Amino acid sequence: KQRELVATTTSGGSTNYADPVKGRFTISRDYAKNTVYLQMFSLK
């Protein structure tokens, strides 16, 4: 299968989620640490 988008976040703080993960996954970013996180709940 081709690689598919899960979630993205811009430098301005806006976020975008793929439909299958909406409401279950949360993307966040720590600017000071140059780190991005993906919190995944209710995994299938």
PDB file of all heavy atoms in Angstrom:
ATOM      1  N   LYS A   1       0.836  -1.185   0.000  1.00  0.00           N
ATOM      2  CA  LYS A   1       0.000   0.000   0.000  1.00  0.00           C
ATOM      3  C   LYS A   1       0.879   1.246   0.000  1.00  0.00           C
ATOM      4  O   LYS A   1       1.973   1.251   0.559  1.00  0.00           O
ATOM      5  CB  LYS A   1      -0.913  -0.004   1.231  1.00  0.00           C
ATOM      6  CG  LYS A   1      -1.964   1.085   1.246  1.00  0.00           C
ATOM      7  CD  LYS A   1      -2.850   0.950   2.480  1.00  0.00           C
ATOM      8  CE  LYS A   1      -3.910   2.031   2.532  1.00  0.00           C
ATOM      9  NZ  LYS A   1      -4.761   1.896   3.748  1.00  0.00           N
ATOM     10  N   GLN A   2       0.388   2.299  -0.634  1.00  0.00           N
ATOM     11  CA  GLN A   2       1.119   3.553  -0.668  1.00  0.00           C
ATOM     12  C   GLN A   2       1.109   4.226   0.696  1.00  0.00           C
ATOM     13  O   GLN A   2       0.184   4.044   1.486  1.00  0.00           O
ATOM     14  CB  GLN A   2       0.516   4.500  -1.709  1.00  0.00           C
ATOM     15  CG  GLN A   2       0.771   4.107  -3.148  1.00  0.00           C
ATOM     16  CD  GLN A   2       0.281   5.161  -4.113  1.00  0.00           C
ATOM     17  OE1 GLN A   2      -0.902   5.492  -4.147  1.00  0.00           O
ATOM     18  NE2 GLN A   2       1.200   5.710  -4.899  1.00  0.00           N
ATOM     19  N   ARG A   3       2.138   4.990   0.939  1.00  0.00           N
ATOM     20  CA  ARG A   3       2.202   5.748   2.166  1.00  0.00           C
ATOM     21  C   ARG A   3       1.071   6.777   2.195  1.00  0.00           C
ATOM     22  O   ARG A   3       0.829   7.473   1.208  1.00  0.00           O
ATOM     23  CB  ARG A   3       3.562   6.438   2.278  1.00  0.00           C
ATOM     24  CG  ARG A   3       3.838   7.073   3.619  1.00  0.00           C
ATOM     25  CD  ARG A   3       5.289   7.546   3.712  1.00  0.00           C
ATOM     26  NE  ARG A   3       6.231   6.443   3.565  1.00  0.00           N
ATOM     27  CZ  ARG A   3       7.546   6.573   3.662  1.00  0.00           C
ATOM     28  NH1 ARG A   3       8.088   7.759   3.916  1.00  0.00           N
ATOM     29  NH2 ARG A   3       8.331   5.511   3.503  1.00  0.00           N
ATOM     30  N   GLU A   4       0.395   6.872   3.324  1.00  0.00           N
ATOM     31  CA  GLU A   4      -0.740   7.768   3.437  1.00  0.00           C
ATOM     32  C   GLU A   4      -0.566   8.742   4.596  1.00  0.00           C
ATOM     33  O   GLU A   4       0.067   8.438   5.604  1.00  0.00           O
ATOM     34  CB  GLU A   4      -2.045   6.983   3.620  1.00  0.00           C
ATOM     35  CG  GLU A   4      -2.120   6.184   4.907  1.00  0.00           C
ATOM     36  CD  GLU A   4      -3.430   5.432   5.049  1.00  0.00           C
ATOM     37  OE1 GLU A   4      -4.167   5.316   4.049  1.00  0.00           O
ATOM     38  OE2 GLU A   4      -3.713   4.950   6.156  1.00  0.00           O
ATOM     39  N   LEU A   5      -1.153   9.891   4.433  1.00  0.00           N
ATOM     40  CA  LEU A   5      -1.110  10.911   5.463  1.00  0.00           C
ATOM     41  C   LEU A   5      -1.937  10.493   6.665  1.00  0.00           C
ATOM     42  O   LEU A   5      -3.032   9.947   6.521  1.00  0.00           O
ATOM     43  CB  LEU A   5      -1.624  12.242   4.905  1.00  0.00           C
ATOM     44  CG  LEU A   5      -1.651  13.443   5.853  1.00  0.00           C
ATOM     45  CD1 LEU A   5      -1.348  14.719   5.081  1.00  0.00           C
ATOM     46  CD2 LEU A   5      -3.018  13.571   6.526  1.00  0.00           C
ATOM     47  N   VAL A   6      -1.406  10.762   7.844  1.00  0.00           N
ATOM     48  CA  VAL A   6      -2.137  10.548   9.087  1.00  0.00           C
ATOM     49  C   VAL A   6      -2.547  11.890   9.677  1.00  0.00           C
ATOM     50  O   VAL A   6      -3.722  12.144   9.924  1.00  0.00           O
ATOM     51  CB  VAL A   6      -1.311   9.749  10.110  1.00  0.00           C
ATOM     52  CG1 VAL A   6      -2.077   9.610  11.425  1.00  0.00           C
ATOM     53  CG2 VAL A   6      -0.951   8.380   9.555  1.00  0.00           C
ATOM     54  N   ALA A   7      -1.571  12.750   9.905  1.00  0.00           N
ATOM     55  CA  ALA A   7      -1.840  14.062  10.478  1.00  0.00           C
ATOM     56  C   ALA A   7      -0.666  14.989  10.225  1.00  0.00           C
ATOM     57  O   ALA A   7       0.476  14.546  10.152  1.00  0.00           O
ATOM     58  CB  ALA A   7      -2.106  13.958  11.982  1.00  0.00           C
ATOM     59  N   THR A   8      -0.950  16.269  10.106  1.00  0.00           N
ATOM     60  CA  THR A   8       0.093  17.273   9.950  1.00  0.00           C
ATOM     61  C   THR A   8      -0.225  18.483  10.812  1.00  0.00           C
ATOM     62  O   THR A   8      -1.383  18.727  11.165  1.00  0.00           O
ATOM     63  CB  THR A   8       0.252  17.740   8.490  1.00  0.00           C
ATOM     64  OG1 THR A   8      -0.978  18.309   8.030  1.00  0.00           O
ATOM     65  CG2 THR A   8       0.655  16.591   7.588  1.00  0.00           C
ATOM     66  N   THR A   9       0.805  19.234  11.122  1.00  0.00           N
ATOM     67  CA  THR A   9       0.641  20.490  11.840  1.00  0.00           C
ATOM     68  C   THR A   9       1.630  21.506  11.284  1.00  0.00           C
ATOM     69  O   THR A   9       2.788  21.184  11.018  1.00  0.00           O
ATOM     70  CB  THR A   9       0.827  20.306  13.358  1.00  0.00           C
ATOM     71  OG1 THR A   9       0.617  21.562  14.022  1.00  0.00           O
ATOM     72  CG2 THR A   9       2.228  19.794  13.691  1.00  0.00           C
ATOM     73  N   THR A  10       1.170  22.726  11.091  1.00  0.00           N
ATOM     74  CA  THR A  10       2.001  23.776  10.526  1.00  0.00           C
ATOM     75  C   THR A  10       2.671  24.580  11.622  1.00  0.00           C
ATOM     76  O   THR A  10       2.361  24.450  12.806  1.00  0.00           O
ATOM     77  CB  THR A  10       1.177  24.721   9.646  1.00  0.00           C
ATOM     78  OG1 THR A  10       0.290  25.486  10.472  1.00  0.00           O
ATOM     79  CG2 THR A  10       0.360  23.947   8.623  1.00  0.00           C
ATOM     80  N   SER A  11       3.600  25.437  11.203  1.00  0.00           N
ATOM     81  CA  SER A  11       4.274  26.309  12.154  1.00  0.00           C
ATOM     82  C   SER A  11       3.310  27.301  12.791  1.00  0.00           C
ATOM     83  O   SER A  11       3.597  27.849  13.852  1.00  0.00           O
ATOM     84  CB  SER A  11       5.417  27.056  11.467  1.00  0.00           C
ATOM     85  OG  SER A  11       4.944  27.844  10.385  1.00  0.00           O
ATOM     86  N   GLY A  12       2.175  27.535  12.136  1.00  0.00           N
ATOM     87  CA  GLY A  12       1.163  28.417  12.680  1.00  0.00           C
ATOM     88  C   GLY A  12       0.213  27.739  13.644  1.00  0.00           C
ATOM     89  O   GLY A  12      -0.638  28.398  14.251  1.00  0.00           O
ATOM     90  N   GLY A  13       0.333  26.419  13.776  1.00  0.00           N
ATOM     91  CA  GLY A  13      -0.473  25.692  14.740  1.00  0.00           C
ATOM     92  C   GLY A  13      -1.698  24.997  14.184  1.00  0.00           C
ATOM     93  O   GLY A  13      -2.392  24.289  14.923  1.00  0.00           O
ATOM     94  N   SER A  14      -1.991  25.177  12.907  1.00  0.00           N
ATOM     95  CA  SER A  14      -3.141  24.501  12.333  1.00  0.00           C
ATOM     96  C   SER A  14      -2.845  23.013  12.158  1.00  0.00           C
ATOM     97  O   SER A  14      -1.695  22.613  11.977  1.00  0.00           O
ATOM     98  CB  SER A  14      -3.534  25.120  10.998  1.00  0.00           C
ATOM     99  OG  SER A  14      -2.504  24.946  10.039  1.00  0.00           O
ATOM    100  N   THR A  15      -3.884  22.196  12.217  1.00  0.00           N
ATOM    101  CA  THR A  15      -3.726  20.748  12.108  1.00  0.00           C
ATOM    102  C   THR A  15      -4.639  20.182  11.043  1.00  0.00           C
ATOM    103  O   THR A  15      -5.673  20.763  10.707  1.00  0.00           O
ATOM    104  CB  THR A  15      -4.017  20.051  13.443  1.00  0.00           C
ATOM    105  OG1 THR A  15      -5.349  20.376  13.871  1.00  0.00           O
ATOM    106  CG2 THR A  15      -3.032  20.500  14.509  1.00  0.00           C
ATOM    107  N   ASN A  16      -4.249  19.030  10.532  1.00  0.00           N
ATOM    108  CA  ASN A  16      -5.029  18.335   9.526  1.00  0.00           C
ATOM    109  C   ASN A  16      -4.948  16.842   9.806  1.00  0.00           C
ATOM    110  O   ASN A  16      -3.855  16.320  10.045  1.00  0.00           O
ATOM    111  CB  ASN A  16      -4.509  18.650   8.127  1.00  0.00           C
ATOM    112  CG  ASN A  16      -5.308  17.970   7.039  1.00  0.00           C
ATOM    113  OD1 ASN A  16      -6.529  18.078   7.009  1.00  0.00           O
ATOM    114  ND2 ASN A  16      -4.624  17.281   6.138  1.00  0.00           N
ATOM    115  N   TYR A  17      -6.093  16.157   9.772  1.00  0.00           N
ATOM    116  CA  TYR A  17      -6.145  14.733  10.058  1.00  0.00           C
ATOM    117  C   TYR A  17      -6.820  13.979   8.934  1.00  0.00           C
ATOM    118  O   TYR A  17      -7.785  14.455   8.335  1.00  0.00           O
ATOM    119  CB  TYR A  17      -6.921  14.462  11.345  1.00  0.00           C
ATOM    120  CG  TYR A  17      -6.307  15.040  12.590  1.00  0.00           C
ATOM    121  CD1 TYR A  17      -6.658  16.306  13.035  1.00  0.00           C
ATOM    122  CD2 TYR A  17      -5.373  14.314  13.323  1.00  0.00           C
ATOM    123  CE1 TYR A  17      -6.096  16.840  14.177  1.00  0.00           C
ATOM    124  CE2 TYR A  17      -4.811  14.836  14.471  1.00  0.00           C
ATOM    125  CZ  TYR A  17      -5.173  16.100  14.893  1.00  0.00           C
ATOM    126  OH  TYR A  17      -4.613  16.623  16.038  1.00  0.00           O
ATOM    127  N   ALA A  18      -6.318  12.793   8.674  1.00  0.00           N
ATOM    128  CA  ALA A  18      -6.986  11.902   7.754  1.00  0.00           C
ATOM    129  C   ALA A  18      -8.286  11.411   8.388  1.00  0.00           C
ATOM    130  O   ALA A  18      -8.361  11.223   9.610  1.00  0.00           O
ATOM    131  CB  ALA A  18      -6.092  10.715   7.412  1.00  0.00           C
ATOM    132  N   ASP A  19      -9.299  11.199   7.571  1.00  0.00           N
ATOM    133  CA  ASP A  19     -10.607  10.803   8.085  1.00  0.00           C
ATOM    134  C   ASP A  19     -10.580   9.575   9.000  1.00  0.00           C
ATOM    135  O   ASP A  19     -11.270   9.567  10.027  1.00  0.00           O
ATOM    136  CB  ASP A  19     -11.578  10.568   6.929  1.00  0.00           C
ATOM    137  CG  ASP A  19     -12.026  11.852   6.271  1.00  0.00           C
ATOM    138  OD1 ASP A  19     -11.906  12.923   6.890  1.00  0.00           O
ATOM    139  OD2 ASP A  19     -12.509  11.779   5.125  1.00  0.00           O
ATOM    140  N   PRO A  20      -9.813   8.526   8.676  1.00  0.00           N
ATOM    141  CA  PRO A  20      -9.847   7.332   9.539  1.00  0.00           C
ATOM    142  C   PRO A  20      -9.355   7.548  10.966  1.00  0.00           C
ATOM    143  O   PRO A  20      -9.650   6.725  11.831  1.00  0.00           O
ATOM    144  CB  PRO A  20      -8.932   6.342   8.804  1.00  0.00           C
ATOM    145  CG  PRO A  20      -8.954   6.799   7.383  1.00  0.00           C
ATOM    146  CD  PRO A  20      -9.016   8.292   7.465  1.00  0.00           C
ATOM    147  N   VAL A  21      -8.611   8.625  11.211  1.00  0.00           N
ATOM    148  CA  VAL A  21      -8.057   8.830  12.542  1.00  0.00           C
ATOM    149  C   VAL A  21      -8.676  10.014  13.272  1.00  0.00           C
ATOM    150  O   VAL A  21      -8.342  10.247  14.444  1.00  0.00           O
ATOM    151  CB  VAL A  21      -6.523   9.004  12.494  1.00  0.00           C
ATOM    152  CG1 VAL A  21      -5.882   7.851  11.733  1.00  0.00           C
ATOM    153  CG2 VAL A  21      -6.137  10.343  11.874  1.00  0.00           C
ATOM    154  N   LYS A  22      -9.570  10.727  12.637  1.00  0.00           N
ATOM    155  CA  LYS A  22     -10.195  11.880  13.274  1.00  0.00           C
ATOM    156  C   LYS A  22     -10.950  11.461  14.527  1.00  0.00           C
ATOM    157  O   LYS A  22     -11.699  10.491  14.516  1.00  0.00           O
ATOM    158  CB  LYS A  22     -11.147  12.578  12.304  1.00  0.00           C
ATOM    159  CG  LYS A  22     -10.451  13.373  11.226  1.00  0.00           C
ATOM    160  CD  LYS A  22     -11.456  14.083  10.327  1.00  0.00           C
ATOM    161  CE  LYS A  22     -10.748  14.914   9.272  1.00  0.00           C
ATOM    162  NZ  LYS A  22     -11.703  15.566   8.353  1.00  0.00           N
ATOM    163  N   GLY A  23     -10.728  12.201  15.594  1.00  0.00           N
ATOM    164  CA  GLY A  23     -11.370  11.899  16.857  1.00  0.00           C
ATOM    165  C   GLY A  23     -10.630  10.899  17.706  1.00  0.00           C
ATOM    166  O   GLY A  23     -10.975  10.716  18.880  1.00  0.00           O
ATOM    167  N   ARG A  24      -9.627  10.248  17.149  1.00  0.00           N
ATOM    168  CA  ARG A  24      -8.859   9.246  17.886  1.00  0.00           C
ATOM    169  C   ARG A  24      -7.393   9.626  18.062  1.00  0.00           C
ATOM    170  O   ARG A  24      -6.784   9.274  19.065  1.00  0.00           O
ATOM    171  CB  ARG A  24      -8.941   7.889  17.187  1.00  0.00           C
ATOM    172  CG  ARG A  24     -10.355   7.334  17.064  1.00  0.00           C
ATOM    173  CD  ARG A  24     -10.352   5.900  16.544  1.00  0.00           C
ATOM    174  NE  ARG A  24      -9.793   5.807  15.196  1.00  0.00           N
ATOM    175  CZ  ARG A  24      -8.696   5.114  14.884  1.00  0.00           C
ATOM    176  NH1 ARG A  24      -8.034   4.445  15.827  1.00  0.00           N
ATOM    177  NH2 ARG A  24      -8.262   5.074  13.631  1.00  0.00           N
ATOM    178  N   PHE A  25      -6.832  10.313  17.083  1.00  0.00           N
ATOM    179  CA  PHE A  25      -5.424  10.707  17.127  1.00  0.00           C
ATOM    180  C   PHE A  25      -5.309  12.207  17.328  1.00  0.00           C
ATOM    181  O   PHE A  25      -6.151  12.983  16.845  1.00  0.00           O
ATOM    182  CB  PHE A  25      -4.709  10.346  15.823  1.00  0.00           C
ATOM    183  CG  PHE A  25      -4.548   8.870  15.561  1.00  0.00           C
ATOM    184  CD1 PHE A  25      -5.142   7.914  16.371  1.00  0.00           C
ATOM    185  CD2 PHE A  25      -3.782   8.448  14.481  1.00  0.00           C
ATOM    186  CE1 PHE A  25      -4.994   6.559  16.118  1.00  0.00           C
ATOM    187  CE2 PHE A  25      -3.620   7.095  14.214  1.00  0.00           C
ATOM    188  CZ  PHE A  25      -4.226   6.151  15.031  1.00  0.00           C
ATOM    189  N   THR A  26      -4.248  12.630  17.999  1.00  0.00           N
ATOM    190  CA  THR A  26      -3.967  14.037  18.191  1.00  0.00           C
ATOM    191  C   THR A  26      -2.498  14.310  17.902  1.00  0.00           C
ATOM    192  O   THR A  26      -1.627  13.653  18.459  1.00  0.00           O
ATOM    193  CB  THR A  26      -4.286  14.494  19.623  1.00  0.00           C
ATOM    194  OG1 THR A  26      -5.668  14.262  19.910  1.00  0.00           O
ATOM    195  CG2 THR A  26      -3.993  15.984  19.784  1.00  0.00           C
ATOM    196  N   ILE A  27      -2.247  15.277  17.037  1.00  0.00           N
ATOM    197  CA  ILE A  27      -0.878  15.674  16.737  1.00  0.00           C
ATOM    198  C   ILE A  27      -0.559  16.950  17.508  1.00  0.00           C
ATOM    199  O   ILE A  27      -1.393  17.844  17.623  1.00  0.00           O
ATOM    200  CB  ILE A  27      -0.670  15.873  15.220  1.00  0.00           C
ATOM    201  CG1 ILE A  27       0.817  16.094  14.907  1.00  0.00           C
ATOM    202  CG2 ILE A  27      -1.522  17.016  14.676  1.00  0.00           C
ATOM    203  CD1 ILE A  27       1.142  16.031  13.415  1.00  0.00           C
ATOM    204  N   SER A  28       0.642  17.021  18.040  1.00  0.00           N
ATOM    205  CA  SER A  28       1.077  18.199  18.769  1.00  0.00           C
ATOM    206  C   SER A  28       2.561  18.421  18.518  1.00  0.00           C
ATOM    207  O   SER A  28       3.261  17.546  18.009  1.00  0.00           O
ATOM    208  CB  SER A  28       0.793  18.066  20.274  1.00  0.00           C
ATOM    209  OG  SER A  28       1.481  16.957  20.826  1.00  0.00           O
ATOM    210  N   ARG A  29       3.026  19.593  18.901  1.00  0.00           N
ATOM    211  CA  ARG A  29       4.397  19.966  18.584  1.00  0.00           C
ATOM    212  C   ARG A  29       5.019  20.751  19.723  1.00  0.00           C
ATOM    213  O   ARG A  29       4.389  21.634  20.296  1.00  0.00           O
ATOM    214  CB  ARG A  29       4.389  20.794  17.288  1.00  0.00           C
ATOM    215  CG  ARG A  29       5.724  21.229  16.753  1.00  0.00           C
ATOM    216  CD  ARG A  29       5.525  21.844  15.376  1.00  0.00           C
ATOM    217  NE  ARG A  29       6.703  22.530  14.894  1.00  0.00           N
ATOM    218  CZ  ARG A  29       6.803  23.136  13.722  1.00  0.00           C
ATOM    219  NH1 ARG A  29       5.763  23.134  12.889  1.00  0.00           N
ATOM    220  NH2 ARG A  29       7.928  23.740  13.365  1.00  0.00           N
ATOM    221  N   ASP A  30       6.274  20.427  20.029  1.00  0.00           N
ATOM    222  CA  ASP A  30       7.061  21.152  21.010  1.00  0.00           C
ATOM    223  C   ASP A  30       8.117  21.923  20.232  1.00  0.00           C
ATOM    224  O   ASP A  30       9.106  21.346  19.783  1.00  0.00           O
ATOM    225  CB  ASP A  30       7.702  20.197  22.015  1.00  0.00           C
ATOM    226  CG  ASP A  30       8.411  20.923  23.141  1.00  0.00           C
ATOM    227  OD1 ASP A  30       8.936  22.021  22.924  1.00  0.00           O
ATOM    228  OD2 ASP A  30       8.440  20.378  24.263  1.00  0.00           O
ATOM    229  N   TYR A  31       7.900  23.219  20.063  1.00  0.00           N
ATOM    230  CA  TYR A  31       8.781  24.022  19.235  1.00  0.00           C
ATOM    231  C   TYR A  31      10.193  24.115  19.818  1.00  0.00           C
ATOM    232  O   TYR A  31      11.173  24.115  19.081  1.00  0.00           O
ATOM    233  CB  TYR A  31       8.201  25.424  19.047  1.00  0.00           C
ATOM    234  CG  TYR A  31       6.949  25.455  18.218  1.00  0.00           C
ATOM    235  CD1 TYR A  31       5.694  25.311  18.802  1.00  0.00           C
ATOM    236  CD2 TYR A  31       7.017  25.615  16.839  1.00  0.00           C
ATOM    237  CE1 TYR A  31       4.550  25.326  18.036  1.00  0.00           C
ATOM    238  CE2 TYR A  31       5.873  25.631  16.068  1.00  0.00           C
ATOM    239  CZ  TYR A  31       4.638  25.488  16.671  1.00  0.00           C
ATOM    240  OH  TYR A  31       3.501  25.497  15.898  1.00  0.00           O
ATOM    241  N   ALA A  32      10.290  24.192  21.128  1.00  0.00           N
ATOM    242  CA  ALA A  32      11.589  24.317  21.774  1.00  0.00           C
ATOM    243  C   ALA A  32      12.446  23.077  21.577  1.00  0.00           C
ATOM    244  O   ALA A  32      13.673  23.157  21.525  1.00  0.00           O
ATOM    245  CB  ALA A  32      11.416  24.607  23.266  1.00  0.00           C
ATOM    246  N   LYS A  33      11.812  21.922  21.473  1.00  0.00           N
ATOM    247  CA  LYS A  33      12.532  20.661  21.342  1.00  0.00           C
ATOM    248  C   LYS A  33      12.562  20.134  19.910  1.00  0.00           C
ATOM    249  O   LYS A  33      13.101  19.052  19.668  1.00  0.00           O
ATOM    250  CB  LYS A  33      11.911  19.606  22.249  1.00  0.00           C
ATOM    251  CG  LYS A  33      12.030  19.917  23.732  1.00  0.00           C
ATOM    252  CD  LYS A  33      11.420  18.804  24.573  1.00  0.00           C
ATOM    253  CE  LYS A  33      11.573  19.092  26.054  1.00  0.00           C
ATOM    254  NZ  LYS A  33      10.981  18.015  26.886  1.00  0.00           N
ATOM    255  N   ASN A  34      11.979  20.880  18.974  1.00  0.00           N
ATOM    256  CA  ASN A  34      11.890  20.429  17.579  1.00  0.00           C
ATOM    257  C   ASN A  34      11.304  19.021  17.498  1.00  0.00           C
ATOM    258  O   ASN A  34      11.802  18.152  16.775  1.00  0.00           O
ATOM    259  CB  ASN A  34      13.259  20.462  16.900  1.00  0.00           C
ATOM    260  CG  ASN A  34      13.724  21.865  16.580  1.00  0.00           C
ATOM    261  OD1 ASN A  34      12.920  22.795  16.490  1.00  0.00           O
ATOM    262  ND2 ASN A  34      15.022  22.038  16.403  1.00  0.00           N
ATOM    263  N   THR A  35      10.248  18.821  18.238  1.00  0.00           N
ATOM    264  CA  THR A  35       9.649  17.499  18.363  1.00  0.00           C
ATOM    265  C   THR A  35       8.159  17.541  18.042  1.00  0.00           C
ATOM    266  O   THR A  35       7.458  18.479  18.434  1.00  0.00           O
ATOM    267  CB  THR A  35       9.853  16.944  19.779  1.00  0.00           C
ATOM    268  OG1 THR A  35      11.258  16.846  20.049  1.00  0.00           O
ATOM    269  CG2 THR A  35       9.223  15.570  19.927  1.00  0.00           C
ATOM    270  N   VAL A  36       7.693  16.523  17.341  1.00  0.00           N
ATOM    271  CA  VAL A  36       6.277  16.363  17.056  1.00  0.00           C
ATOM    272  C   VAL A  36       5.806  15.054  17.676  1.00  0.00           C
ATOM    273  O   VAL A  36       6.552  14.068  17.718  1.00  0.00           O
ATOM    274  CB  VAL A  36       5.997  16.401  15.538  1.00  0.00           C
ATOM    275  CG1 VAL A  36       6.645  15.222  14.822  1.00  0.00           C
ATOM    276  CG2 VAL A  36       4.501  16.444  15.262  1.00  0.00           C
ATOM    277  N   TYR A  37       4.572  15.047  18.159  1.00  0.00           N
ATOM    278  CA  TYR A  37       4.007  13.879  18.813  1.00  0.00           C
ATOM    279  C   TYR A  37       2.736  13.443  18.108  1.00  0.00           C
ATOM    280  O   TYR A  37       2.038  14.240  17.489  1.00  0.00           O
ATOM    281  CB  TYR A  37       3.675  14.178  20.276  1.00  0.00           C
ATOM    282  CG  TYR A  37       4.837  14.694  21.084  1.00  0.00           C
ATOM    283  CD1 TYR A  37       5.059  16.065  21.214  1.00  0.00           C
ATOM    284  CD2 TYR A  37       5.707  13.823  21.723  1.00  0.00           C
ATOM    285  CE1 TYR A  37       6.119  16.549  21.956  1.00  0.00           C
ATOM    286  CE2 TYR A  37       6.768  14.293  22.465  1.00  0.00           C
ATOM    287  CZ  TYR A  37       6.974  15.653  22.578  1.00  0.00           C
ATOM    288  OH  TYR A  37       8.035  16.129  23.323  1.00  0.00           O
ATOM    289  N   LEU A  38       2.432  12.182  18.236  1.00  0.00           N
ATOM    290  CA  LEU A  38       1.161  11.650  17.772  1.00  0.00           C
ATOM    291  C   LEU A  38       0.587  10.796  18.889  1.00  0.00           C
ATOM    292  O   LEU A  38       1.085   9.701  19.157  1.00  0.00           O
ATOM    293  CB  LEU A  38       1.322  10.821  16.499  1.00  0.00           C
ATOM    294  CG  LEU A  38       0.015  10.338  15.868  1.00  0.00           C
ATOM    295  CD1 LEU A  38      -0.778  11.517  15.307  1.00  0.00           C
ATOM    296  CD2 LEU A  38       0.292   9.313  14.767  1.00  0.00           C
ATOM    297  N   GLN A  39      -0.438  11.314  19.543  1.00  0.00           N
ATOM    298  CA  GLN A  39      -1.128  10.575  20.584  1.00  0.00           C
ATOM    299  C   GLN A  39      -2.258   9.786  19.940  1.00  0.00           C
ATOM    300  O   GLN A  39      -3.136  10.374  19.310  1.00  0.00           O
ATOM    301  CB  GLN A  39      -1.679  11.519  21.644  1.00  0.00           C
ATOM    302  CG  GLN A  39      -2.437  10.828  22.769  1.00  0.00           C
ATOM    303  CD  GLN A  39      -1.553   9.943  23.608  1.00  0.00           C
ATOM    304  OE1 GLN A  39      -0.622  10.425  24.244  1.00  0.00           O
ATOM    305  NE2 GLN A  39      -1.831   8.642  23.593  1.00  0.00           N
ATOM    306  N   MET A  40      -2.228   8.483  20.104  1.00  0.00           N
ATOM    307  CA  MET A  40      -3.193   7.609  19.465  1.00  0.00           C
ATOM    308  C   MET A  40      -4.025   6.893  20.523  1.00  0.00           C
ATOM    309  O   MET A  40      -3.476   6.185  21.367  1.00  0.00           O
ATOM    310  CB  MET A  40      -2.491   6.589  18.569  1.00  0.00           C
ATOM    311  CG  MET A  40      -1.581   7.219  17.517  1.00  0.00           C
ATOM    312  SD  MET A  40      -0.810   5.999  16.420  1.00  0.00           S
ATOM    313  CE  MET A  40       0.303   5.207  17.587  1.00  0.00           C
ATOM    314  N   PHE A  41      -5.329   7.092  20.475  1.00  0.00           N
ATOM    315  CA  PHE A  41      -6.271   6.426  21.355  1.00  0.00           C
ATOM    316  C   PHE A  41      -7.187   5.518  20.546  1.00  0.00           C
ATOM    317  O   PHE A  41      -7.320   5.666  19.339  1.00  0.00           O
ATOM    318  CB  PHE A  41      -7.114   7.446  22.124  1.00  0.00           C
ATOM    319  CG  PHE A  41      -6.364   8.273  23.122  1.00  0.00           C
ATOM    320  CD1 PHE A  41      -6.079   9.608  22.872  1.00  0.00           C
ATOM    321  CD2 PHE A  41      -5.949   7.726  24.320  1.00  0.00           C
ATOM    322  CE1 PHE A  41      -5.399  10.377  23.798  1.00  0.00           C
ATOM    323  CE2 PHE A  41      -5.264   8.491  25.261  1.00  0.00           C
ATOM    324  CZ  PHE A  41      -4.991   9.817  24.987  1.00  0.00           C
ATOM    325  N   SER A  42      -7.824   4.610  21.239  1.00  0.00           N
ATOM    326  CA  SER A  42      -8.800   3.710  20.620  1.00  0.00           C
ATOM    327  C   SER A  42      -8.248   3.058  19.362  1.00  0.00           C
ATOM    328  O   SER A  42      -8.887   3.045  18.308  1.00  0.00           O
ATOM    329  CB  SER A  42     -10.081   4.481  20.295  1.00  0.00           C
ATOM    330  OG  SER A  42     -10.646   5.046  21.461  1.00  0.00           O
ATOM    331  N   LEU A  43      -7.066   2.515  19.480  1.00  0.00           N
ATOM    332  CA  LEU A  43      -6.403   1.917  18.326  1.00  0.00           C
ATOM    333  C   LEU A  43      -7.160   0.708  17.802  1.00  0.00           C
ATOM    334  O   LEU A  43      -7.739  -0.066  18.566  1.00  0.00           O
ATOM    335  CB  LEU A  43      -4.979   1.532  18.683  1.00  0.00           C
ATOM    336  CG  LEU A  43      -3.999   2.710  18.736  1.00  0.00           C
ATOM    337  CD1 LEU A  43      -2.743   2.334  19.498  1.00  0.00           C
ATOM    338  CD2 LEU A  43      -3.644   3.162  17.318  1.00  0.00           C
ATOM    339  N   LYS A  44      -7.135   0.567  16.484  1.00  0.00           N
ATOM    340  CA  LYS A  44      -7.809  -0.513  15.790  1.00  0.00           C
ATOM    341  C   LYS A  44      -6.784  -1.336  15.023  1.00  0.00           C
ATOM    342  O   LYS A  44      -5.724  -0.829  14.664  1.00  0.00           O
ATOM    343  CB  LYS A  44      -8.846   0.044  14.812  1.00  0.00           C
ATOM    344  CG  LYS A  44      -9.880   0.962  15.431  1.00  0.00           C
ATOM    345  CD  LYS A  44     -10.769   1.573  14.362  1.00  0.00           C
ATOM    346  CE  LYS A  44     -11.792   2.514  14.965  1.00  0.00           C
ATOM    347  NZ  LYS A  44     -12.647   3.129  13.914  1.00  0.00           N
TER     348      LYS A  44
END
